[in-house]
C-alpha atoms as a PDB file:
ATOM      1  CA  MET A   1       0.000   0.000   0.000  1.00  0.00           C
ATOM      2  CA  LEU A   2       1.199   3.500  -0.734  1.00  0.00           C
ATOM      3  CA  TYR A   3       1.048   5.883   2.195  1.00  0.00           C
ATOM      4  CA  LYS A   4       1.342   9.640   2.241  1.00  0.00           C
ATOM      5  CA  ALA A   5       5.113  10.153   2.172  1.00  0.00           C
ATOM      6  CA  GLY A   6       5.144  12.322   5.266  1.00  0.00           C
ATOM      7  CA  THR A   7       3.371   9.672   7.307  1.00  0.00           C
ATOM      8  CA  LYS A   8       6.303   7.277   7.592  1.00  0.00           C
ATOM      9  CA  PRO A   9       7.357   7.940  11.177  1.00  0.00           C
ATOM     10  CA  GLY A  10      11.040   8.542  11.581  1.00  0.00           C
ATOM     11  CA  ILE A  11      12.012   7.959   7.972  1.00  0.00           C
ATOM     12  CA  ARG A  12      10.593  11.320   6.879  1.00  0.00           C
ATOM     13  CA  ASP A  13      12.930  13.058   9.319  1.00  0.00           C
ATOM     14  CA  CYS A  14      15.913  11.312   7.708  1.00  0.00           C
ATOM     15  CA  TYR A  15      15.163  12.795   4.306  1.00  0.00           C
ATOM     16  CA  ILE A  16      13.302  16.062   4.790  1.00  0.00           C
ATOM     17  CA  ALA A  17      12.955  18.711   7.473  1.00  0.00           C
ATOM     18  CA  VAL A  18       9.911  20.821   8.206  1.00  0.00           C
ATOM     19  CA  THR A  19      10.617  24.519   7.567  1.00  0.00           C
ATOM     20  CA  ASP A  20       9.393  27.333   9.819  1.00  0.00           C
ATOM     21  CA  LYS A  21       6.436  27.773   7.484  1.00  0.00           C
ATOM     22  CA  GLY A  22       5.720  24.050   7.598  1.00  0.00           C
ATOM     23  CA  ALA A  23       5.927  24.049  11.402  1.00  0.00           C
ATOM     24  CA  LYS A  24       3.020  26.501  11.447  1.00  0.00           C
ATOM     25  CA  ASP A  25       0.995  24.224   9.169  1.00  0.00           C
ATOM     26  CA  ALA A  26      -0.613  21.548  11.357  1.00  0.00           C
ATOM     27  CA  HIS A  27      -1.122  19.240   8.373  1.00  0.00           C
ATOM     28  CA  ALA A  28       2.495  19.425   7.181  1.00  0.00           C
ATOM     29  CA  ASN A  29       3.975  18.974  10.651  1.00  0.00           C
ATOM     30  CA  ARG A  30       1.760  16.066  11.707  1.00  0.00           C
ATOM     31  CA  HIS A  31       3.258  12.670  12.516  1.00  0.00           C
ATOM     32  CA  PHE A  32       1.157   9.539  12.100  1.00  0.00           C
ATOM     33  CA  THR A  33       2.514   6.976  14.514  1.00  0.00           C
ATOM     34  CA  THR A  34       0.067   4.215  13.599  1.00  0.00           C
ATOM     35  CA  VAL A  35       1.058   3.916   9.940  1.00  0.00           C
ATOM     36  CA  PRO A  36       3.252   0.901   9.207  1.00  0.00           C
ATOM     37  CA  THR A  37       6.646   1.690   7.757  1.00  0.00           C
ATOM     38  CA  ASP A  38       8.552  -0.409   5.274  1.00  0.00           C
ATOM     39  CA  MET A  39      12.159   0.690   5.608  1.00  0.00           C
ATOM     40  CA  LYS A  40      13.237  -1.479   2.712  1.00  0.00           C
ATOM     41  CA  PHE A  41      11.895   1.030   0.191  1.00  0.00           C
ATOM     42  CA  PRO A  42      13.949   4.204  -0.210  1.00  0.00           C
ATOM     43  CA  TYR A  43      12.130   7.417   0.669  1.00  0.00           C
ATOM     44  CA  ASP A  44      10.807   8.958  -2.539  1.00  0.00           C
ATOM     45  CA  VAL A  45      10.777  12.766  -2.410  1.00  0.00           C
ATOM     46  CA  ASN A  46       9.086  12.795  -5.845  1.00  0.00           C
ATOM     47  CA  SER A  47       6.313  10.359  -4.935  1.00  0.00           C
ATOM     48  CA  VAL A  48       2.808  11.276  -5.958  1.00  0.00           C
ATOM     49  CA  MET A  49       2.098  10.780  -2.232  1.00  0.00           C
ATOM     50  CA  GLN A  50       4.601  13.479  -1.191  1.00  0.00           C
ATOM     51  CA  TYR A  51       3.055  16.709   0.049  1.00  0.00           C
ATOM     52  CA  ARG A  52       2.992  19.476  -2.540  1.00  0.00           C
ATOM     53  CA  LEU A  53       3.842  22.079   0.106  1.00  0.00           C
ATOM     54  CA  SER A  54       7.303  22.641  -1.318  1.00  0.00           C
ATOM     55  CA  ASP A  55       7.974  25.613   0.950  1.00  0.00           C
ATOM     56  CA  ALA A  56       6.936  23.620   4.031  1.00  0.00           C
ATOM     57  CA  PHE A  57       9.759  21.085   3.638  1.00  0.00           C
ATOM     58  CA  VAL A  58      13.426  21.142   2.751  1.00  0.00           C
ATOM     59  CA  SER A  59      15.400  18.118   1.570  1.00  0.00           C
ATOM     60  CA  LEU A  60      18.289  17.038   3.769  1.00  0.00           C
ATOM     61  CA  GLN A  61      19.852  15.412   0.688  1.00  0.00           C
ATOM     62  CA  GLY A  62      19.590  18.479  -1.578  1.00  0.00           C
ATOM     63  CA  GLU A  63      16.790  17.099  -3.751  1.00  0.00           C
ATOM     64  CA  LYS A  64      13.740  18.924  -5.097  1.00  0.00           C
ATOM     65  CA  ILE A  65      10.719  17.833  -3.053  1.00  0.00           C
ATOM     66  CA  GLY A  66       7.290  17.048  -4.427  1.00  0.00           C
ATOM     67  CA  PRO A  67       5.727  15.120  -7.256  1.00  0.00           C
ATOM     68  CA  ILE A  68       6.649  15.958 -10.810  1.00  0.00           C
ATOM     69  CA  GLY A  69       3.305  16.427 -12.537  1.00  0.00           C
ATOM     70  CA  GLU A  70       0.230  14.423 -11.617  1.00  0.00           C
ATOM     71  CA  ASP A  71       1.512  10.915 -12.309  1.00  0.00           C
ATOM     72  CA  PRO A  72       3.196   8.506  -9.889  1.00  0.00           C
ATOM     73  CA  SER A  73       7.001   8.638  -9.817  1.00  0.00           C
ATOM     74  CA  TRP A  74       9.075   5.813 -11.254  1.00  0.00           C
ATOM     75  CA  GLN A  75       9.643   4.607  -7.678  1.00  0.00           C
ATOM     76  CA  ASP A  76       5.876   4.658  -7.035  1.00  0.00           C
ATOM     77  CA  TRP A  77       5.379   2.428 -10.078  1.00  0.00           C
ATOM     78  CA  ARG A  78       8.128   0.051  -8.950  1.00  0.00           C
ATOM     79  CA  LYS A  79       6.599  -0.213  -5.482  1.00  0.00           C
ATOM     80  CA  ILE A  80       3.116  -0.839  -6.896  1.00  0.00           C
ATOM     81  CA  ASN A  81       4.499  -3.481  -9.247  1.00  0.00           C
ATOM     82  CA  TYR A  82       6.351  -5.178  -6.375  1.00  0.00           C
ATOM     83  CA  LEU A  83       3.464  -5.061  -3.891  1.00  0.00           C
ATOM     84  CA  TYR A  84       0.604  -6.005  -6.194  1.00  0.00           C
ATOM     85  CA  CYS A  85       2.022  -7.677  -9.311  1.00  0.00           C
ATOM     86  CA  GLY A  86       4.916  -9.795  -8.055  1.00  0.00           C
ATOM     87  CA  GLY A  87       7.539  -7.561  -9.666  1.00  0.00           C
ATOM     88  CA  LYS A  88      11.147  -7.351  -8.534  1.00  0.00           C
ATOM     89  CA  HIS A  89      12.004  -5.241  -5.497  1.00  0.00           C
ATOM     90  CA  ILE A  90      13.448  -1.872  -6.502  1.00  0.00           C
ATOM     91  CA  CYS A  91      16.743  -2.751  -4.783  1.00  0.00           C
ATOM     92  CA  GLN A  92      17.346  -5.678  -7.118  1.00  0.00           C
ATOM     93  CA  ASP A  93      17.794  -3.278 -10.038  1.00  0.00           C
ATOM     94  CA  HIS A  94      18.862  -0.135  -8.186  1.00  0.00           C
ATOM     95  CA  ARG A  95      21.382  -1.411  -5.661  1.00  0.00           C
ATOM     96  CA  GLU A  96      23.193   1.937  -5.231  1.00  0.00           C
ATOM     97  CA  LEU A  97      19.927   3.739  -4.450  1.00  0.00           C
ATOM     98  CA  CYS A  98      19.156   1.217  -1.719  1.00  0.00           C
ATOM     99  CA  LEU A  99      22.682   1.228  -0.289  1.00  0.00           C
ATOM    100  CA  ARG A 100      22.456   5.036  -0.009  1.00  0.00           C
ATOM    101  CA  HIS A 101      19.065   4.619   1.688  1.00  0.00           C
ATOM    102  CA  LYS A 102      20.585   2.292   4.295  1.00  0.00           C
ATOM    103  CA  ASP A 103      23.419   4.791   4.866  1.00  0.00           C
ATOM    104  CA  VAL A 104      20.893   7.598   5.387  1.00  0.00           C
ATOM    105  CA  LEU A 105      18.937   5.498   7.911  1.00  0.00           C
ATOM    106  CA  ARG A 106      22.079   4.564   9.882  1.00  0.00           C
ATOM    107  CA  LYS A 107      23.223   8.201  10.006  1.00  0.00           C
ATOM    108  CA  CYS A 108      19.749   9.321  10.996  1.00  0.00           C
ATOM    109  CA  ILE A 109      19.718   6.887  13.937  1.00  0.00           C
ATOM    110  CA  ARG A 110      23.234   7.963  14.991  1.00  0.00           C
ATOM    111  CA  ASP A 111      22.192  11.633  14.827  1.00  0.00           C
ATOM    112  CA  GLY A 112      19.098  10.958  16.948  1.00  0.00           C
ATOM    113  CA  ARG A 113      16.554  11.964  14.282  1.00  0.00           C
ATOM    114  CA  MET A 114      15.071   8.463  14.198  1.00  0.00           C
ATOM    115  CA  ARG A 115      14.719   5.844  16.895  1.00  0.00           C
ATOM    116  CA  GLU A 116      16.339   2.499  16.303  1.00  0.00           C
ATOM    117  CA  PRO A 117      13.569   0.168  15.133  1.00  0.00           C
ATOM    118  CA  SER A 118      12.395  -2.519  17.516  1.00  0.00           C
ATOM    119  CA  ASP A 119      11.568  -4.942  14.706  1.00  0.00           C
ATOM    120  CA  GLN A 120      14.431  -7.424  14.257  1.00  0.00           C
ATOM    121  CA  ASN A 121      13.949  -7.634  10.480  1.00  0.00           C
ATOM    122  CA  ASP A 122      14.295  -3.854  10.187  1.00  0.00           C
ATOM    123  CA  LEU A 123      17.402  -3.920  12.388  1.00  0.00           C
ATOM    124  CA  ARG A 124      18.973  -6.651  10.237  1.00  0.00           C
ATOM    125  CA  TYR A 125      18.103  -4.678   7.117  1.00  0.00           C
ATOM    126  CA  ILE A 126      19.685  -1.441   8.357  1.00  0.00           C
ATOM    127  CA  PHE A 127      22.751  -2.816  10.118  1.00  0.00           C
ATOM    128  CA  GLY A 128      23.234  -6.249   8.595  1.00  0.00           C
ATOM    129  CA  GLU A 129      23.977  -7.705   5.220  1.00  0.00           C
ATOM    130  CA  VAL A 130      22.312  -6.524   2.054  1.00  0.00           C
ATOM    131  CA  ASN A 131      19.032  -8.418   1.969  1.00  0.00           C
ATOM    132  CA  TRP A 132      16.523  -7.638  -0.714  1.00  0.00           C
END
């Protein structure tokens, strides 16, 4: 299932920061702690599910934030294909993207912007061998 990009607790804070303007916007600054997170998919700042409030967020990786047009991003399509059609996981074809994602998550935990996950599979994914 695709979730609003800003609803992935913890992971959002590894990739984007809420600006002063965004902090005043209750919708942009809201955290949804009940939404399941799949850390094995890189955060997609261009997802059709990413907020369009471009001045409410700033990328910590220097990327432009927000969907490009009205269509799902290439990563959205890959995730849909994987989740619903039995397609390959994005990391099987885009290894470097996923290795960078794991690096971002580890740094984010070290910097205290994200709590270390309690799920053992997520811990093995972040700190263990490449497993996708």
